């Protein structure tokens, strides 16, 4: 019976890990990259302007 208890510990841990993994990987509101790409484009424009001015 003690061997069965020791086998149940990894089984419960694996089930818990699976549940946590599915919860952590759940679908969230999809966020587009639009604001980040716009900010990067502004950054590149600003760097080009400051570089071409000298």
PDB file of N, CA and C in Angstrom:
ATOM      1  N   UNK A   1       0.821  -1.194   0.000  1.00  0.00           N
ATOM      2  CA  UNK A   1       0.000   0.000   0.000  1.00  0.00           C
ATOM      3  C   UNK A   1       0.866   1.260   0.000  1.00  0.00           C
ATOM      4  N   UNK A   2       2.028   1.203   0.650  1.00  0.00           N
ATOM      5  CA  UNK A   2       2.912   2.364   0.678  1.00  0.00           C
ATOM      6  C   UNK A   2       3.457   2.663  -0.718  1.00  0.00           C
ATOM      7  N   UNK A   3       3.708   1.600  -1.507  1.00  0.00           N
ATOM      8  CA  UNK A   3       4.196   1.809  -2.872  1.00  0.00           C
ATOM      9  C   UNK A   3       3.137   2.519  -3.711  1.00  0.00           C
ATOM     10  N   UNK A   4       1.884   2.188  -3.486  1.00  0.00           N
ATOM     11  CA  UNK A   4       0.801   2.850  -4.216  1.00  0.00           C
ATOM     12  C   UNK A   4       0.738   4.331  -3.865  1.00  0.00           C
ATOM     13  N   UNK A   5       0.952   4.662  -2.613  1.00  0.00           N
ATOM     14  CA  UNK A   5       0.947   6.067  -2.199  1.00  0.00           C
ATOM     15  C   UNK A   5       2.088   6.816  -2.872  1.00  0.00           C
ATOM     16  N   UNK A   6       3.267   6.178  -2.987  1.00  0.00           N
ATOM     17  CA  UNK A   6       4.401   6.839  -3.634  1.00  0.00           C
ATOM     18  C   UNK A   6       4.174   7.000  -5.129  1.00  0.00           C
ATOM     19  N   UNK A   7       3.394   6.115  -5.727  1.00  0.00           N
ATOM     20  CA  UNK A   7       3.079   6.247  -7.145  1.00  0.00           C
ATOM     21  C   UNK A   7       2.005   7.314  -7.391  1.00  0.00           C
ATOM     22  N   UNK A   8       1.174   7.562  -6.400  1.00  0.00           N
ATOM     23  CA  UNK A   8       0.125   8.561  -6.555  1.00  0.00           C
ATOM     24  C   UNK A   8       0.680   9.992  -6.502  1.00  0.00           C
ATOM     25  N   UNK A   9       1.794  10.185  -5.801  1.00  0.00           N
ATOM     26  CA  UNK A   9       2.369  11.526  -5.684  1.00  0.00           C
ATOM     27  C   UNK A   9       2.759  12.083  -7.060  1.00  0.00           C
ATOM     28  N   UNK A  10       3.527  11.356  -7.891  1.00  0.00           N
ATOM     29  CA  UNK A  10       3.844  11.897  -9.218  1.00  0.00           C
ATOM     30  C   UNK A  10       2.613  12.022 -10.113  1.00  0.00           C
ATOM     31  N   UNK A  11       1.649  11.123  -9.935  1.00  0.00           N
ATOM     32  CA  UNK A  11       0.428  11.202 -10.734  1.00  0.00           C
ATOM     33  C   UNK A  11      -0.346  12.474 -10.415  1.00  0.00           C
ATOM     34  N   UNK A  12      -0.489  12.781  -9.147  1.00  0.00           N
ATOM     35  CA  UNK A  12      -1.181  14.005  -8.744  1.00  0.00           C
ATOM     36  C   UNK A  12      -0.385  15.227  -9.201  1.00  0.00           C
ATOM     37  N   UNK A  13       0.930  15.162  -9.122  1.00  0.00           N
ATOM     38  CA  UNK A  13       1.762  16.271  -9.577  1.00  0.00           C
ATOM     39  C   UNK A  13       1.617  16.478 -11.086  1.00  0.00           C
ATOM     40  N   UNK A  14       1.560  15.401 -11.859  1.00  0.00           N
ATOM     41  CA  UNK A  14       1.406  15.510 -13.303  1.00  0.00           C
ATOM     42  C   UNK A  14       0.041  16.086 -13.666  1.00  0.00           C
ATOM     43  N   UNK A  15      -0.985  15.664 -12.955  1.00  0.00           N
ATOM     44  CA  UNK A  15      -2.325  16.218 -13.204  1.00  0.00           C
ATOM     45  C   UNK A  15      -2.353  17.696 -12.857  1.00  0.00           C
ATOM     46  N   UNK A  16      -1.740  18.045 -11.721  1.00  0.00           N
ATOM     47  CA  UNK A  16      -1.672  19.457 -11.337  1.00  0.00           C
ATOM     48  C   UNK A  16      -0.897  20.286 -12.348  1.00  0.00           C
ATOM     49  N   UNK A  17       0.202  19.749 -12.875  1.00  0.00           N
ATOM     50  CA  UNK A  17       0.993  20.460 -13.874  1.00  0.00           C
ATOM     51  C   UNK A  17       0.206  20.637 -15.167  1.00  0.00           C
ATOM     52  N   UNK A  18      -0.546  19.629 -15.531  1.00  0.00           N
ATOM     53  CA  UNK A  18      -1.386  19.734 -16.729  1.00  0.00           C
ATOM     54  C   UNK A  18      -2.467  20.778 -16.576  1.00  0.00           C
ATOM     55  N   UNK A  19      -3.094  20.807 -15.417  1.00  0.00           N
ATOM     56  CA  UNK A  19      -4.128  21.814 -15.165  1.00  0.00           C
ATOM     57  C   UNK A  19      -3.540  23.216 -15.156  1.00  0.00           C
ATOM     58  N   UNK A  20      -2.385  23.370 -14.513  1.00  0.00           N
ATOM     59  CA  UNK A  20      -1.747  24.684 -14.479  1.00  0.00           C
ATOM     60  C   UNK A  20      -1.324  25.108 -15.887  1.00  0.00           C
ATOM     61  N   UNK A  21      -0.791  24.178 -16.667  1.00  0.00           N
ATOM     62  CA  UNK A  21      -0.373  24.493 -18.027  1.00  0.00           C
ATOM     63  C   UNK A  21      -1.532  24.918 -18.895  1.00  0.00           C
ATOM     64  N   UNK A  22      -2.657  24.236 -18.764  1.00  0.00           N
ATOM     65  CA  UNK A  22      -3.819  24.634 -19.569  1.00  0.00           C
ATOM     66  C   UNK A  22      -4.371  25.977 -19.101  1.00  0.00           C
ATOM     67  N   UNK A  23      -4.298  26.255 -17.813  1.00  0.00           N
ATOM     68  CA  UNK A  23      -4.768  27.552 -17.309  1.00  0.00           C
ATOM     69  C   UNK A  23      -3.824  28.668 -17.757  1.00  0.00           C
ATOM     70  N   UNK A  24      -2.523  28.424 -17.697  1.00  0.00           N
ATOM     71  CA  UNK A  24      -1.555  29.456 -18.067  1.00  0.00           C
ATOM     72  C   UNK A  24      -1.576  29.715 -19.566  1.00  0.00           C
ATOM     73  N   UNK A  25      -1.980  28.744 -20.357  1.00  0.00           N
ATOM     74  CA  UNK A  25      -1.969  28.869 -21.804  1.00  0.00           C
ATOM     75  C   UNK A  25      -3.349  29.177 -22.368  1.00  0.00           C
ATOM     76  N   UNK A  26      -4.264  29.576 -21.508  1.00  0.00           N
ATOM     77  CA  UNK A  26      -5.634  29.817 -21.962  1.00  0.00           C
ATOM     78  C   UNK A  26      -5.658  30.978 -22.948  1.00  0.00           C
ATOM     79  N   UNK A  27      -6.677  30.987 -23.757  1.00  0.00           N
ATOM     80  CA  UNK A  27      -6.788  32.052 -24.754  1.00  0.00           C
ATOM     81  C   UNK A  27      -7.142  33.353 -24.065  1.00  0.00           C
ATOM     82  N   UNK A  28      -6.390  34.338 -24.384  1.00  0.00           N
ATOM     83  CA  UNK A  28      -6.632  35.663 -23.848  1.00  0.00           C
ATOM     84  C   UNK A  28      -7.058  36.564 -24.981  1.00  0.00           C
ATOM     85  N   UNK A  29      -7.443  37.764 -24.631  1.00  0.00           N
ATOM     86  CA  UNK A  29      -7.841  38.713 -25.651  1.00  0.00           C
ATOM     87  C   UNK A  29      -6.647  38.947 -26.580  1.00  0.00           C
ATOM     88  N   UNK A  30      -6.871  38.734 -27.856  1.00  0.00           N
ATOM     89  CA  UNK A  30      -5.794  38.877 -28.828  1.00  0.00           C
ATOM     90  C   UNK A  30      -5.464  40.350 -28.981  1.00  0.00           C
ATOM     91  N   UNK A  31      -4.186  40.647 -28.867  1.00  0.00           N
ATOM     92  CA  UNK A  31      -3.739  42.028 -28.965  1.00  0.00           C
ATOM     93  C   UNK A  31      -2.892  42.174 -30.210  1.00  0.00           C
ATOM     94  N   UNK A  32      -3.209  43.155 -31.015  1.00  0.00           N
ATOM     95  CA  UNK A  32      -2.452  43.333 -32.249  1.00  0.00           C
ATOM     96  C   UNK A  32      -1.126  44.035 -31.966  1.00  0.00           C
ATOM     97  N   UNK A  33      -0.262  43.990 -32.937  1.00  0.00           N
ATOM     98  CA  UNK A  33       1.045  44.625 -32.816  1.00  0.00           C
ATOM     99  C   UNK A  33       1.028  46.053 -33.348  1.00  0.00           C
ATOM    100  N   UNK A  34      -0.132  46.566 -33.674  1.00  0.00           N
ATOM    101  CA  UNK A  34      -0.236  47.888 -34.272  1.00  0.00           C
ATOM    102  C   UNK A  34       0.459  48.996 -33.496  1.00  0.00           C
ATOM    103  N   UNK A  35       0.158  49.184 -32.207  1.00  0.00           N
ATOM    104  CA  UNK A  35       0.803  50.276 -31.465  1.00  0.00           C
ATOM    105  C   UNK A  35       2.319  50.130 -31.382  1.00  0.00           C
ATOM    106  N   UNK A  36       2.800  48.909 -31.216  1.00  0.00           N
ATOM    107  CA  UNK A  36       4.237  48.715 -31.125  1.00  0.00           C
ATOM    108  C   UNK A  36       4.912  49.018 -32.454  1.00  0.00           C
ATOM    109  N   UNK A  37       4.297  48.591 -33.558  1.00  0.00           N
ATOM    110  CA  UNK A  37       4.885  48.855 -34.864  1.00  0.00           C
ATOM    111  C   UNK A  37       4.846  50.339 -35.197  1.00  0.00           C
ATOM    112  N   UNK A  38       3.786  51.032 -34.791  1.00  0.00           N
ATOM    113  CA  UNK A  38       3.715  52.477 -35.010  1.00  0.00           C
ATOM    114  C   UNK A  38       4.811  53.193 -34.237  1.00  0.00           C
ATOM    115  N   UNK A  39       5.029  52.780 -32.996  1.00  0.00           N
ATOM    116  CA  UNK A  39       6.082  53.379 -32.187  1.00  0.00           C
ATOM    117  C   UNK A  39       7.456  53.128 -32.782  1.00  0.00           C
ATOM    118  N   UNK A  40       7.668  51.925 -33.319  1.00  0.00           N
ATOM    119  CA  UNK A  40       8.950  51.609 -33.934  1.00  0.00           C
ATOM    120  C   UNK A  40       9.166  52.455 -35.191  1.00  0.00           C
ATOM    121  N   UNK A  41       8.098  52.650 -35.971  1.00  0.00           N
ATOM    122  CA  UNK A  41       8.216  53.476 -37.178  1.00  0.00           C
ATOM    123  C   UNK A  41       8.562  54.918 -36.801  1.00  0.00           C
ATOM    124  N   UNK A  42       7.948  55.447 -35.751  1.00  0.00           N
ATOM    125  CA  UNK A  42       8.281  56.810 -35.306  1.00  0.00           C
ATOM    126  C   UNK A  42       9.721  56.889 -34.828  1.00  0.00           C
ATOM    127  N   UNK A  43      10.176  55.857 -34.139  1.00  0.00           N
ATOM    128  CA  UNK A  43      11.555  55.818 -33.666  1.00  0.00           C
ATOM    129  C   UNK A  43      12.532  55.830 -34.847  1.00  0.00           C
ATOM    130  N   UNK A  44      12.263  55.010 -35.845  1.00  0.00           N
ATOM    131  CA  UNK A  44      13.151  54.965 -37.015  1.00  0.00           C
ATOM    132  C   UNK A  44      13.178  56.302 -37.731  1.00  0.00           C
ATOM    133  N   UNK A  45      12.016  56.938 -37.883  1.00  0.00           N
ATOM    134  CA  UNK A  45      11.966  58.244 -38.538  1.00  0.00           C
ATOM    135  C   UNK A  45      12.771  59.271 -37.762  1.00  0.00           C
ATOM    136  N   UNK A  46      12.642  59.252 -36.441  1.00  0.00           N
ATOM    137  CA  UNK A  46      13.380  60.212 -35.618  1.00  0.00           C
ATOM    138  C   UNK A  46      14.888  59.976 -35.716  1.00  0.00           C
ATOM    139  N   UNK A  47      15.300  58.712 -35.750  1.00  0.00           N
ATOM    140  CA  UNK A  47      16.723  58.421 -35.859  1.00  0.00           C
ATOM    141  C   UNK A  47      17.271  58.827 -37.227  1.00  0.00           C
ATOM    142  N   UNK A  48      16.483  58.623 -38.269  1.00  0.00           N
ATOM    143  CA  UNK A  48      16.930  59.012 -39.612  1.00  0.00           C
ATOM    144  C   UNK A  48      17.064  60.538 -39.716  1.00  0.00           C
ATOM    145  N   UNK A  49      16.144  61.267 -39.104  1.00  0.00           N
ATOM    146  CA  UNK A  49      16.176  62.718 -39.152  1.00  0.00           C
ATOM    147  C   UNK A  49      17.408  63.245 -38.394  1.00  0.00           C
ATOM    148  N   UNK A  50      17.678  62.688 -37.221  1.00  0.00           N
ATOM    149  CA  UNK A  50      18.809  63.178 -36.450  1.00  0.00           C
ATOM    150  C   UNK A  50      20.135  62.793 -37.093  1.00  0.00           C
ATOM    151  N   UNK A  51      20.166  61.693 -37.808  1.00  0.00           N
ATOM    152  CA  UNK A  51      21.396  61.248 -38.445  1.00  0.00           C
ATOM    153  C   UNK A  51      21.668  62.037 -39.721  1.00  0.00           C
ATOM    154  N   UNK A  52      20.633  62.362 -40.471  1.00  0.00           N
ATOM    155  CA  UNK A  52      20.831  63.082 -41.732  1.00  0.00           C
ATOM    156  C   UNK A  52      21.089  64.563 -41.500  1.00  0.00           C
ATOM    157  N   UNK A  53      20.816  65.097 -40.311  1.00  0.00           N
ATOM    158  CA  UNK A  53      21.004  66.511 -40.019  1.00  0.00           C
ATOM    159  C   UNK A  53      22.444  66.890 -39.801  1.00  0.00           C
ATOM    160  N   UNK A  54      23.336  65.937 -39.561  1.00  0.00           N
ATOM    161  CA  UNK A  54      24.730  66.280 -39.275  1.00  0.00           C
ATOM    162  C   UNK A  54      25.626  66.063 -40.454  1.00  0.00           C
TER     163      UNK A  54
END
